[in-house]
Every structure is written in C-alpha cells, then in structure tokens.
Amino acid sequence: IPEWGGQKVRIMLEEDAFFDGSSV
C-alpha cells in the first residue's frame, strides 16, 4: 500500500459461487 509506505496487506476474500460445467 503506497500510502502505508509500501507496507503489505493481505486481501482475504471468500464468496460463494456455482459451477455449471462451463462457467462460475
């Protein structure tokens, strides 16, 4: 993060999804 002097943050994401055989 530039505003934090280059300090790294961990962006942790999780979302529920459905796979139909072709796409999510």
mmCIF file of all heavy atoms, coordinates in Angstrom:
data_MODEL
# 
_entry.id   MODEL 
# 
loop_
_atom_site.group_PDB 
_atom_site.id 
_atom_site.type_symbol 
_atom_site.label_atom_id 
_atom_site.label_alt_id 
_atom_site.label_comp_id 
_atom_site.label_asym_id 
_atom_site.label_entity_id 
_atom_site.label_seq_id 
_atom_site.pdbx_PDB_ins_code 
_atom_site.Cartn_x 
_atom_site.Cartn_y 
_atom_site.Cartn_z 
_atom_site.occupancy 
_atom_site.B_iso_or_equiv 
_atom_site.pdbx_formal_charge 
_atom_site.auth_seq_id 
_atom_site.auth_comp_id 
_atom_site.auth_asym_id 
_atom_site.auth_atom_id 
_atom_site.pdbx_PDB_model_num 
ATOM 1   N N   . ILE A 1 1  ? 0.859   -1.193  0.000   1.00 0.00 ? 1  ILE A N   1 
ATOM 2   C CA  . ILE A 1 1  ? 0.000   0.000   0.000   1.00 0.00 ? 1  ILE A CA  1 
ATOM 3   C C   . ILE A 1 1  ? 0.895   1.244   0.000   1.00 0.00 ? 1  ILE A C   1 
ATOM 4   O O   . ILE A 1 1  ? 1.613   1.513   0.982   1.00 0.00 ? 1  ILE A O   1 
ATOM 5   C CB  . ILE A 1 1  ? -0.910  0.014   1.244   1.00 0.00 ? 1  ILE A CB  1 
ATOM 6   C CG1 . ILE A 1 1  ? -1.692  -1.292  1.360   1.00 0.00 ? 1  ILE A CG1 1 
ATOM 7   C CG2 . ILE A 1 1  ? -1.837  1.219   1.199   1.00 0.00 ? 1  ILE A CG2 1 
ATOM 8   C CD1 . ILE A 1 1  ? -2.593  -1.609  0.185   1.00 0.00 ? 1  ILE A CD1 1 
ATOM 9   N N   . PRO A 1 2  ? 0.903   2.022   -1.078  1.00 0.00 ? 2  PRO A N   1 
ATOM 10  C CA  . PRO A 1 2  ? 1.795   3.186   -1.150  1.00 0.00 ? 2  PRO A CA  1 
ATOM 11  C C   . PRO A 1 2  ? 1.596   4.156   0.015   1.00 0.00 ? 2  PRO A C   1 
ATOM 12  O O   . PRO A 1 2  ? 2.571   4.680   0.574   1.00 0.00 ? 2  PRO A O   1 
ATOM 13  C CB  . PRO A 1 2  ? 1.421   3.831   -2.489  1.00 0.00 ? 2  PRO A CB  1 
ATOM 14  C CG  . PRO A 1 2  ? 0.856   2.708   -3.310  1.00 0.00 ? 2  PRO A CG  1 
ATOM 15  C CD  . PRO A 1 2  ? 0.149   1.827   -2.342  1.00 0.00 ? 2  PRO A CD  1 
ATOM 16  N N   . GLU A 1 3  ? 0.345   4.415   0.393   1.00 0.00 ? 3  GLU A N   1 
ATOM 17  C CA  . GLU A 1 3  ? 0.076   5.369   1.474   1.00 0.00 ? 3  GLU A CA  1 
ATOM 18  C C   . GLU A 1 3  ? 0.578   4.863   2.825   1.00 0.00 ? 3  GLU A C   1 
ATOM 19  O O   . GLU A 1 3  ? 0.698   5.631   3.772   1.00 0.00 ? 3  GLU A O   1 
ATOM 20  C CB  . GLU A 1 3  ? -1.435  5.645   1.565   1.00 0.00 ? 3  GLU A CB  1 
ATOM 21  C CG  . GLU A 1 3  ? -2.031  6.346   0.352   1.00 0.00 ? 3  GLU A CG  1 
ATOM 22  C CD  . GLU A 1 3  ? -2.513  5.359   -0.708  1.00 0.00 ? 3  GLU A CD  1 
ATOM 23  O OE1 . GLU A 1 3  ? -2.094  4.156   -0.676  1.00 0.00 ? 3  GLU A OE1 1 
ATOM 24  O OE2 . GLU A 1 3  ? -3.302  5.775   -1.570  1.00 0.00 ? 3  GLU A OE2 1 
ATOM 25  N N   . TRP A 1 4  ? 0.834   3.585   2.902   1.00 0.00 ? 4  TRP A N   1 
ATOM 26  C CA  . TRP A 1 4  ? 1.361   2.984   4.119   1.00 0.00 ? 4  TRP A CA  1 
ATOM 27  C C   . TRP A 1 4  ? 2.846   2.663   3.976   1.00 0.00 ? 4  TRP A C   1 
ATOM 28  O O   . TRP A 1 4  ? 3.367   1.743   4.589   1.00 0.00 ? 4  TRP A O   1 
ATOM 29  C CB  . TRP A 1 4  ? 0.582   1.716   4.472   1.00 0.00 ? 4  TRP A CB  1 
ATOM 30  C CG  . TRP A 1 4  ? -0.827  1.948   4.957   1.00 0.00 ? 4  TRP A CG  1 
ATOM 31  C CD1 . TRP A 1 4  ? -1.543  3.113   4.875   1.00 0.00 ? 4  TRP A CD1 1 
ATOM 32  C CD2 . TRP A 1 4  ? -1.669  0.985   5.605   1.00 0.00 ? 4  TRP A CD2 1 
ATOM 33  N NE1 . TRP A 1 4  ? -2.794  2.936   5.425   1.00 0.00 ? 4  TRP A NE1 1 
ATOM 34  C CE2 . TRP A 1 4  ? -2.907  1.636   5.885   1.00 0.00 ? 4  TRP A CE2 1 
ATOM 35  C CE3 . TRP A 1 4  ? -1.518  -0.348  5.970   1.00 0.00 ? 4  TRP A CE3 1 
ATOM 36  C CZ2 . TRP A 1 4  ? -3.978  0.996   6.507   1.00 0.00 ? 4  TRP A CZ2 1 
ATOM 37  C CZ3 . TRP A 1 4  ? -2.588  -0.992  6.589   1.00 0.00 ? 4  TRP A CZ3 1 
ATOM 38  C CH2 . TRP A 1 4  ? -3.798  -0.327  6.864   1.00 0.00 ? 4  TRP A CH2 1 
ATOM 39  N N   . GLY A 1 5  ? 3.533   3.427   3.134   1.00 0.00 ? 5  GLY A N   1 
ATOM 40  C CA  . GLY A 1 5  ? 4.975   3.273   2.975   1.00 0.00 ? 5  GLY A CA  1 
ATOM 41  C C   . GLY A 1 5  ? 5.376   1.956   2.341   1.00 0.00 ? 5  GLY A C   1 
ATOM 42  O O   . GLY A 1 5  ? 6.486   1.462   2.564   1.00 0.00 ? 5  GLY A O   1 
ATOM 43  N N   . GLY A 1 6  ? 4.498   1.383   1.530   1.00 0.00 ? 6  GLY A N   1 
ATOM 44  C CA  . GLY A 1 6  ? 4.798   0.099   0.893   1.00 0.00 ? 6  GLY A CA  1 
ATOM 45  C C   . GLY A 1 6  ? 4.495   -1.102  1.775   1.00 0.00 ? 6  GLY A C   1 
ATOM 46  O O   . GLY A 1 6  ? 4.743   -2.244  1.371   1.00 0.00 ? 6  GLY A O   1 
ATOM 47  N N   . GLN A 1 7  ? 3.971   -0.860  2.968   1.00 0.00 ? 7  GLN A N   1 
ATOM 48  C CA  . GLN A 1 7  ? 3.596   -1.972  3.846   1.00 0.00 ? 7  GLN A CA  1 
ATOM 49  C C   . GLN A 1 7  ? 2.566   -2.851  3.133   1.00 0.00 ? 7  GLN A C   1 
ATOM 50  O O   . GLN A 1 7  ? 1.624   -2.356  2.522   1.00 0.00 ? 7  GLN A O   1 
ATOM 51  C CB  . GLN A 1 7  ? 3.003   -1.412  5.138   1.00 0.00 ? 7  GLN A CB  1 
ATOM 52  C CG  . GLN A 1 7  ? 2.466   -2.453  6.102   1.00 0.00 ? 7  GLN A CG  1 
ATOM 53  C CD  . GLN A 1 7  ? 1.772   -1.804  7.287   1.00 0.00 ? 7  GLN A CD  1 
ATOM 54  O OE1 . GLN A 1 7  ? 2.114   -0.668  7.674   1.00 0.00 ? 7  GLN A OE1 1 
ATOM 55  N NE2 . GLN A 1 7  ? 0.810   -2.490  7.871   1.00 0.00 ? 7  GLN A NE2 1 
ATOM 56  N N   . LYS A 1 8  ? 2.763   -4.156  3.217   1.00 0.00 ? 8  LYS A N   1 
ATOM 57  C CA  . LYS A 1 8  ? 1.839   -5.075  2.552   1.00 0.00 ? 8  LYS A CA  1 
ATOM 58  C C   . LYS A 1 8  ? 0.633   -5.383  3.440   1.00 0.00 ? 8  LYS A C   1 
ATOM 59  O O   . LYS A 1 8  ? 0.770   -5.511  4.661   1.00 0.00 ? 8  LYS A O   1 
ATOM 60  C CB  . LYS A 1 8  ? 2.547   -6.382  2.188   1.00 0.00 ? 8  LYS A CB  1 
ATOM 61  C CG  . LYS A 1 8  ? 3.533   -6.250  1.033   1.00 0.00 ? 8  LYS A CG  1 
ATOM 62  C CD  . LYS A 1 8  ? 4.104   -7.617  0.655   1.00 0.00 ? 8  LYS A CD  1 
ATOM 63  C CE  . LYS A 1 8  ? 5.036   -7.496  -0.553  1.00 0.00 ? 8  LYS A CE  1 
ATOM 64  N NZ  . LYS A 1 8  ? 5.577   -8.819  -0.947  1.00 0.00 ? 8  LYS A NZ  1 
ATOM 65  N N   . VAL A 1 9  ? -0.518  -5.503  2.790   1.00 0.00 ? 9  VAL A N   1 
ATOM 66  C CA  . VAL A 1 9  ? -1.700  -6.014  3.469   1.00 0.00 ? 9  VAL A CA  1 
ATOM 67  C C   . VAL A 1 9  ? -2.136  -7.291  2.752   1.00 0.00 ? 9  VAL A C   1 
ATOM 68  O O   . VAL A 1 9  ? -1.847  -7.490  1.565   1.00 0.00 ? 9  VAL A O   1 
ATOM 69  C CB  . VAL A 1 9  ? -2.855  -4.996  3.496   1.00 0.00 ? 9  VAL A CB  1 
ATOM 70  C CG1 . VAL A 1 9  ? -2.442  -3.723  4.187   1.00 0.00 ? 9  VAL A CG1 1 
ATOM 71  C CG2 . VAL A 1 9  ? -3.381  -4.707  2.099   1.00 0.00 ? 9  VAL A CG2 1 
ATOM 72  N N   . ARG A 1 10 ? -2.805  -8.148  3.486   1.00 0.00 ? 10 ARG A N   1 
ATOM 73  C CA  . ARG A 1 10 ? -3.342  -9.371  2.889   1.00 0.00 ? 10 ARG A CA  1 
ATOM 74  C C   . ARG A 1 10 ? -4.833  -9.159  2.630   1.00 0.00 ? 10 ARG A C   1 
ATOM 75  O O   . ARG A 1 10 ? -5.609  -8.984  3.565   1.00 0.00 ? 10 ARG A O   1 
ATOM 76  C CB  . ARG A 1 10 ? -3.127  -10.560 3.818   1.00 0.00 ? 10 ARG A CB  1 
ATOM 77  C CG  . ARG A 1 10 ? -3.561  -11.901 3.190   1.00 0.00 ? 10 ARG A CG  1 
ATOM 78  C CD  . ARG A 1 10 ? -3.342  -13.067 4.143   1.00 0.00 ? 10 ARG A CD  1 
ATOM 79  N NE  . ARG A 1 10 ? -1.950  -13.252 4.448   1.00 0.00 ? 10 ARG A NE  1 
ATOM 80  C CZ  . ARG A 1 10 ? -1.076  -13.911 3.700   1.00 0.00 ? 10 ARG A CZ  1 
ATOM 81  N NH1 . ARG A 1 10 ? -1.490  -14.427 2.545   1.00 0.00 ? 10 ARG A NH1 1 
ATOM 82  N NH2 . ARG A 1 10 ? 0.171   -14.050 4.071   1.00 0.00 ? 10 ARG A NH2 1 
ATOM 83  N N   . ILE A 1 11 ? -5.199  -9.162  1.351   1.00 0.00 ? 11 ILE A N   1 
ATOM 84  C CA  . ILE A 1 11 ? -6.599  -9.060  0.966   1.00 0.00 ? 11 ILE A CA  1 
ATOM 85  C C   . ILE A 1 11 ? -7.161  -10.479 0.937   1.00 0.00 ? 11 ILE A C   1 
ATOM 86  O O   . ILE A 1 11 ? -6.819  -11.287 0.071   1.00 0.00 ? 11 ILE A O   1 
ATOM 87  C CB  . ILE A 1 11 ? -6.759  -8.374  -0.398  1.00 0.00 ? 11 ILE A CB  1 
ATOM 88  C CG1 . ILE A 1 11 ? -6.233  -6.935  -0.336  1.00 0.00 ? 11 ILE A CG1 1 
ATOM 89  C CG2 . ILE A 1 11 ? -8.217  -8.404  -0.847  1.00 0.00 ? 11 ILE A CG2 1 
ATOM 90  C CD1 . ILE A 1 11 ? -6.986  -6.034  0.613   1.00 0.00 ? 11 ILE A CD1 1 
ATOM 91  N N   . MET A 1 12 ? -8.005  -10.779 1.918   1.00 0.00 ? 12 MET A N   1 
ATOM 92  C CA  . MET A 1 12 ? -8.561  -12.130 2.077   1.00 0.00 ? 12 MET A CA  1 
ATOM 93  C C   . MET A 1 12 ? -10.028 -12.100 1.692   1.00 0.00 ? 12 MET A C   1 
ATOM 94  O O   . MET A 1 12 ? -10.843 -11.456 2.363   1.00 0.00 ? 12 MET A O   1 
ATOM 95  C CB  . MET A 1 12 ? -8.396  -12.585 3.528   1.00 0.00 ? 12 MET A CB  1 
ATOM 96  C CG  . MET A 1 12 ? -6.945  -12.702 3.966   1.00 0.00 ? 12 MET A CG  1 
ATOM 97  S SD  . MET A 1 12 ? -6.756  -12.880 5.767   1.00 0.00 ? 12 MET A SD  1 
ATOM 98  C CE  . MET A 1 12 ? -6.924  -11.161 6.280   1.00 0.00 ? 12 MET A CE  1 
ATOM 99  N N   . LEU A 1 13 ? -10.361 -12.776 0.614   1.00 0.00 ? 13 LEU A N   1 
ATOM 100 C CA  . LEU A 1 13 ? -11.719 -12.756 0.084   1.00 0.00 ? 13 LEU A CA  1 
ATOM 101 C C   . LEU A 1 13 ? -12.295 -14.164 0.025   1.00 0.00 ? 13 LEU A C   1 
ATOM 102 O O   . LEU A 1 13 ? -11.573 -15.134 -0.215  1.00 0.00 ? 13 LEU A O   1 
ATOM 103 C CB  . LEU A 1 13 ? -11.733 -12.144 -1.322  1.00 0.00 ? 13 LEU A CB  1 
ATOM 104 C CG  . LEU A 1 13 ? -11.271 -10.696 -1.436  1.00 0.00 ? 13 LEU A CG  1 
ATOM 105 C CD1 . LEU A 1 13 ? -11.248 -10.266 -2.899  1.00 0.00 ? 13 LEU A CD1 1 
ATOM 106 C CD2 . LEU A 1 13 ? -12.159 -9.762  -0.622  1.00 0.00 ? 13 LEU A CD2 1 
ATOM 107 N N   . GLU A 1 14 ? -13.593 -14.241 0.225   1.00 0.00 ? 14 GLU A N   1 
ATOM 108 C CA  . GLU A 1 14 ? -14.295 -15.515 0.078   1.00 0.00 ? 14 GLU A CA  1 
ATOM 109 C C   . GLU A 1 14 ? -15.738 -15.224 -0.292  1.00 0.00 ? 14 GLU A C   1 
ATOM 110 O O   . GLU A 1 14 ? -16.422 -14.462 0.392   1.00 0.00 ? 14 GLU A O   1 
ATOM 111 C CB  . GLU A 1 14 ? -14.221 -16.326 1.373   1.00 0.00 ? 14 GLU A CB  1 
ATOM 112 C CG  . GLU A 1 14 ? -14.769 -17.725 1.248   1.00 0.00 ? 14 GLU A CG  1 
ATOM 113 C CD  . GLU A 1 14 ? -14.459 -18.588 2.455   1.00 0.00 ? 14 GLU A CD  1 
ATOM 114 O OE1 . GLU A 1 14 ? -14.098 -18.035 3.515   1.00 0.00 ? 14 GLU A OE1 1 
ATOM 115 O OE2 . GLU A 1 14 ? -14.594 -19.817 2.343   1.00 0.00 ? 14 GLU A OE2 1 
ATOM 116 N N   . GLU A 1 15 ? -16.171 -15.828 -1.396  1.00 0.00 ? 15 GLU A N   1 
ATOM 117 C CA  . GLU A 1 15 ? -17.553 -15.658 -1.849  1.00 0.00 ? 15 GLU A CA  1 
ATOM 118 C C   . GLU A 1 15 ? -18.072 -16.990 -2.380  1.00 0.00 ? 15 GLU A C   1 
ATOM 119 O O   . GLU A 1 15 ? -17.327 -17.769 -2.977  1.00 0.00 ? 15 GLU A O   1 
ATOM 120 C CB  . GLU A 1 15 ? -17.644 -14.616 -2.978  1.00 0.00 ? 15 GLU A CB  1 
ATOM 121 C CG  . GLU A 1 15 ? -17.288 -13.203 -2.575  1.00 0.00 ? 15 GLU A CG  1 
ATOM 122 C CD  . GLU A 1 15 ? -18.338 -12.502 -1.720  1.00 0.00 ? 15 GLU A CD  1 
ATOM 123 O OE1 . GLU A 1 15 ? -19.344 -13.142 -1.348  1.00 0.00 ? 15 GLU A OE1 1 
ATOM 124 O OE2 . GLU A 1 15 ? -18.149 -11.304 -1.427  1.00 0.00 ? 15 GLU A OE2 1 
ATOM 125 N N   . ASP A 1 16 ? -19.355 -17.231 -2.187  1.00 0.00 ? 16 ASP A N   1 
ATOM 126 C CA  . ASP A 1 16 ? -19.969 -18.478 -2.621  1.00 0.00 ? 16 ASP A CA  1 
ATOM 127 C C   . ASP A 1 16 ? -20.407 -18.366 -4.077  1.00 0.00 ? 16 ASP A C   1 
ATOM 128 O O   . ASP A 1 16 ? -20.937 -17.332 -4.505  1.00 0.00 ? 16 ASP A O   1 
ATOM 129 C CB  . ASP A 1 16 ? -21.153 -18.820 -1.720  1.00 0.00 ? 16 ASP A CB  1 
ATOM 130 C CG  . ASP A 1 16 ? -20.716 -19.005 -0.271  1.00 0.00 ? 16 ASP A CG  1 
ATOM 131 O OD1 . ASP A 1 16 ? -19.626 -19.579 -0.059  1.00 0.00 ? 16 ASP A OD1 1 
ATOM 132 O OD2 . ASP A 1 16 ? -21.435 -18.557 0.639   1.00 0.00 ? 16 ASP A OD2 1 
ATOM 133 N N   . ALA A 1 17 ? -20.174 -19.451 -4.823  1.00 0.00 ? 17 ALA A N   1 
ATOM 134 C CA  . ALA A 1 17 ? -20.398 -19.430 -6.263  1.00 0.00 ? 17 ALA A CA  1 
ATOM 135 C C   . ALA A 1 17 ? -20.914 -20.789 -6.738  1.00 0.00 ? 17 ALA A C   1 
ATOM 136 O O   . ALA A 1 17 ? -20.894 -21.776 -5.995  1.00 0.00 ? 17 ALA A O   1 
ATOM 137 C CB  . ALA A 1 17 ? -19.095 -19.072 -6.985  1.00 0.00 ? 17 ALA A CB  1 
ATOM 138 N N   . PHE A 1 18 ? -21.351 -20.824 -7.990  1.00 0.00 ? 18 PHE A N   1 
ATOM 139 C CA  . PHE A 1 18 ? -21.894 -22.047 -8.592  1.00 0.00 ? 18 PHE A CA  1 
ATOM 140 C C   . PHE A 1 18 ? -21.184 -22.318 -9.906  1.00 0.00 ? 18 PHE A C   1 
ATOM 141 O O   . PHE A 1 18 ? -20.999 -21.416 -10.731 1.00 0.00 ? 18 PHE A O   1 
ATOM 142 C CB  . PHE A 1 18 ? -23.402 -21.889 -8.821  1.00 0.00 ? 18 PHE A CB  1 
ATOM 143 C CG  . PHE A 1 18 ? -24.032 -23.070 -9.506  1.00 0.00 ? 18 PHE A CG  1 
ATOM 144 C CD1 . PHE A 1 18 ? -24.263 -24.244 -8.802  1.00 0.00 ? 18 PHE A CD1 1 
ATOM 145 C CD2 . PHE A 1 18 ? -24.386 -23.013 -10.847 1.00 0.00 ? 18 PHE A CD2 1 
ATOM 146 C CE1 . PHE A 1 18 ? -24.836 -25.340 -9.439  1.00 0.00 ? 18 PHE A CE1 1 
ATOM 147 C CE2 . PHE A 1 18 ? -24.958 -24.099 -11.483 1.00 0.00 ? 18 PHE A CE2 1 
ATOM 148 C CZ  . PHE A 1 18 ? -25.186 -25.267 -10.769 1.00 0.00 ? 18 PHE A CZ  1 
ATOM 149 N N   . PHE A 1 19 ? -20.787 -23.590 -10.112 1.00 0.00 ? 19 PHE A N   1 
ATOM 150 C CA  . PHE A 1 19 ? -20.138 -24.005 -11.356 1.00 0.00 ? 19 PHE A CA  1 
ATOM 151 C C   . PHE A 1 19 ? -21.109 -24.888 -12.128 1.00 0.00 ? 19 PHE A C   1 
ATOM 152 O O   . PHE A 1 19 ? -21.533 -25.938 -11.638 1.00 0.00 ? 19 PHE A O   1 
ATOM 153 C CB  . PHE A 1 19 ? -18.848 -24.767 -11.052 1.00 0.00 ? 19 PHE A CB  1 
ATOM 154 C CG  . PHE A 1 19 ? -18.134 -25.290 -12.274 1.00 0.00 ? 19 PHE A CG  1 
ATOM 155 C CD1 . PHE A 1 19 ? -17.708 -24.420 -13.268 1.00 0.00 ? 19 PHE A CD1 1 
ATOM 156 C CD2 . PHE A 1 19 ? -17.892 -26.656 -12.425 1.00 0.00 ? 19 PHE A CD2 1 
ATOM 157 C CE1 . PHE A 1 19 ? -17.053 -24.900 -14.401 1.00 0.00 ? 19 PHE A CE1 1 
ATOM 158 C CE2 . PHE A 1 19 ? -17.226 -27.138 -13.533 1.00 0.00 ? 19 PHE A CE2 1 
ATOM 159 C CZ  . PHE A 1 19 ? -16.803 -26.265 -14.537 1.00 0.00 ? 19 PHE A CZ  1 
ATOM 160 N N   . ASP A 1 20 ? -21.473 -24.473 -13.337 1.00 0.00 ? 20 ASP A N   1 
ATOM 161 C CA  . ASP A 1 20 ? -22.462 -25.208 -14.130 1.00 0.00 ? 20 ASP A CA  1 
ATOM 162 C C   . ASP A 1 20 ? -21.828 -26.178 -15.112 1.00 0.00 ? 20 ASP A C   1 
ATOM 163 O O   . ASP A 1 20 ? -22.538 -26.845 -15.877 1.00 0.00 ? 20 ASP A O   1 
ATOM 164 C CB  . ASP A 1 20 ? -23.384 -24.244 -14.876 1.00 0.00 ? 20 ASP A CB  1 
ATOM 165 C CG  . ASP A 1 20 ? -22.670 -23.474 -15.986 1.00 0.00 ? 20 ASP A CG  1 
ATOM 166 O OD1 . ASP A 1 20 ? -21.431 -23.568 -16.092 1.00 0.00 ? 20 ASP A OD1 1 
ATOM 167 O OD2 . ASP A 1 20 ? -23.370 -22.774 -16.748 1.00 0.00 ? 20 ASP A OD2 1 
ATOM 168 N N   . GLY A 1 21 ? -20.515 -26.283 -15.088 1.00 0.00 ? 21 GLY A N   1 
ATOM 169 C CA  . GLY A 1 21 ? -19.791 -27.122 -16.042 1.00 0.00 ? 21 GLY A CA  1 
ATOM 170 C C   . GLY A 1 21 ? -19.084 -26.310 -17.095 1.00 0.00 ? 21 GLY A C   1 
ATOM 171 O O   . GLY A 1 21 ? -18.160 -26.802 -17.763 1.00 0.00 ? 21 GLY A O   1 
ATOM 172 N N   . SER A 1 22 ? -19.518 -25.068 -17.260 1.00 0.00 ? 22 SER A N   1 
ATOM 173 C CA  . SER A 1 22 ? -18.888 -24.172 -18.237 1.00 0.00 ? 22 SER A CA  1 
ATOM 174 C C   . SER A 1 22 ? -18.286 -22.935 -17.591 1.00 0.00 ? 22 SER A C   1 
ATOM 175 O O   . SER A 1 22 ? -17.205 -22.486 -17.979 1.00 0.00 ? 22 SER A O   1 
ATOM 176 C CB  . SER A 1 22 ? -19.916 -23.730 -19.297 1.00 0.00 ? 22 SER A CB  1 
ATOM 177 O OG  . SER A 1 22 ? -20.442 -24.841 -19.981 1.00 0.00 ? 22 SER A OG  1 
ATOM 178 N N   . SER A 1 23 ? -18.985 -22.379 -16.615 1.00 0.00 ? 23 SER A N   1 
ATOM 179 C CA  . SER A 1 23 ? -18.512 -21.143 -16.010 1.00 0.00 ? 23 SER A CA  1 
ATOM 180 C C   . SER A 1 23 ? -18.930 -21.082 -14.548 1.00 0.00 ? 23 SER A C   1 
ATOM 181 O O   . SER A 1 23 ? -19.818 -21.814 -14.098 1.00 0.00 ? 23 SER A O   1 
ATOM 182 C CB  . SER A 1 23 ? -19.054 -19.924 -16.764 1.00 0.00 ? 23 SER A CB  1 
ATOM 183 O OG  . SER A 1 23 ? -20.473 -19.925 -16.728 1.00 0.00 ? 23 SER A OG  1 
ATOM 184 N N   . VAL A 1 24 ? -18.291 -20.166 -13.836 1.00 0.00 ? 24 VAL A N   1 
ATOM 185 C CA  . VAL A 1 24 ? -18.566 -19.950 -12.417 1.00 0.00 ? 24 VAL A CA  1 
ATOM 186 C C   . VAL A 1 24 ? -19.341 -18.646 -12.276 1.00 0.00 ? 24 VAL A C   1 
ATOM 187 O O   . VAL A 1 24 ? -18.943 -17.617 -12.840 1.00 0.00 ? 24 VAL A O   1 
ATOM 188 C CB  . VAL A 1 24 ? -17.261 -19.887 -11.600 1.00 0.00 ? 24 VAL A CB  1 
ATOM 189 C CG1 . VAL A 1 24 ? -17.547 -19.569 -10.137 1.00 0.00 ? 24 VAL A CG1 1 
ATOM 190 C CG2 . VAL A 1 24 ? -16.489 -21.202 -11.715 1.00 0.00 ? 24 VAL A CG2 1 
# 
